[in-house]
């Protein structure tokens, strides 16, 4: 879903076959990396590359997610940003 969000964010139109590639690549990557810590970064890179999206936007997603968690749970934000 991050790939679909980023494609809309940067104004790239993904065709239906590309959207299906995102879904299938996400499923296969998540099954293969289920027990690996921090595997989401690797799987997102794989999914973004499969449809030609720039992987630089993964860093923006990670930063945005970290800030939203810190804002939602200020008492635990020290654990995220140490």
Protein backbone atom coordinates (compact mmCIF):
# COMPACT_ATOMS: atom_id res chain seq x y z
CA UNK A 1 0.00 0.00 0.00
CA UNK A 2 2.92 2.34 0.56
CA UNK A 3 3.78 2.10 -3.13
CA UNK A 4 0.26 3.10 -4.12
CA UNK A 5 0.36 6.01 -1.65
CA UNK A 6 3.71 7.24 -2.97
CA UNK A 7 2.60 6.92 -6.59
CA UNK A 8 -0.39 9.16 -5.84
CA UNK A 9 1.81 11.52 -3.83
CA UNK A 10 4.24 12.11 -6.69
CA UNK A 11 1.58 12.03 -9.40
CA UNK A 12 2.59 8.79 -11.12
CA UNK A 13 -0.32 6.93 -12.69
CA UNK A 14 0.01 3.17 -12.09
CA UNK A 15 -1.86 0.99 -14.56
CA UNK A 16 -3.96 -1.95 -13.42
CA UNK A 17 -1.19 -4.49 -14.25
CA UNK A 18 1.29 -2.39 -12.25
CA UNK A 19 -1.11 -2.30 -9.31
CA UNK A 20 -1.42 -6.09 -9.49
CA UNK A 21 2.38 -6.34 -9.54
CA UNK A 22 2.46 -4.24 -6.35
CA UNK A 23 -0.04 -6.57 -4.67
CA UNK A 24 1.67 -9.79 -5.75
CA UNK A 25 5.17 -8.55 -5.00
CA UNK A 26 4.02 -7.39 -1.56
CA UNK A 27 2.47 -10.76 -0.79
CA UNK A 28 5.50 -12.79 -1.90
CA UNK A 29 7.97 -10.47 -0.17
CA UNK A 30 6.05 -10.49 3.11
CA UNK A 31 5.84 -14.28 3.16
CA UNK A 32 9.57 -14.59 2.57
CA UNK A 33 10.57 -12.01 5.16
CA UNK A 34 8.11 -12.77 7.95
CA UNK A 35 10.69 -13.60 10.63
CA UNK A 36 13.35 -11.05 9.75
CA UNK A 37 13.54 -7.88 11.87
CA UNK A 38 13.33 -4.62 9.89
CA UNK A 39 12.45 -6.57 6.74
CA UNK A 40 9.86 -3.97 5.80
CA UNK A 41 12.57 -1.73 4.41
CA UNK A 42 13.82 -4.48 2.13
CA UNK A 43 10.36 -5.49 0.97
CA UNK A 44 9.36 -1.87 0.28
CA UNK A 45 12.50 -1.42 -1.79
CA UNK A 46 11.61 -4.55 -3.76
CA UNK A 47 8.03 -3.41 -4.35
CA UNK A 48 9.01 0.13 -5.33
CA UNK A 49 11.64 -1.16 -7.75
CA UNK A 50 9.22 -3.63 -9.35
CA UNK A 51 7.01 -0.82 -10.68
CA UNK A 52 9.70 1.82 -11.25
CA UNK A 53 8.97 4.10 -8.30
CA UNK A 54 11.90 6.01 -6.78
CA UNK A 55 13.09 4.34 -3.58
CA UNK A 56 14.05 7.69 -2.04
CA UNK A 57 10.46 8.10 -0.87
CA UNK A 58 10.83 5.20 1.55
CA UNK A 59 12.86 7.48 3.84
CA UNK A 60 10.04 10.03 3.79
CA UNK A 61 7.53 7.34 4.77
CA UNK A 62 9.71 6.16 7.65
CA UNK A 63 10.22 9.71 8.94
CA UNK A 64 6.52 10.52 8.66
CA UNK A 65 5.55 7.30 10.47
CA UNK A 66 8.03 8.00 13.27
CA UNK A 67 6.73 11.51 13.80
CA UNK A 68 3.11 10.38 13.79
CA UNK A 69 3.84 7.70 16.39
CA UNK A 70 5.71 10.22 18.55
CA UNK A 71 2.81 12.67 18.30
CA UNK A 72 0.20 10.03 19.12
CA UNK A 73 2.14 8.58 22.06
CA UNK A 74 4.32 11.32 23.55
CA UNK A 75 5.16 9.26 26.64
CA UNK A 76 6.86 6.58 24.53
CA UNK A 77 8.44 8.83 21.92
CA UNK A 78 11.78 8.78 23.77
CA UNK A 79 12.16 5.09 22.85
CA UNK A 80 11.77 5.84 19.15
CA UNK A 81 14.20 8.75 18.91
CA UNK A 82 17.08 7.63 21.11
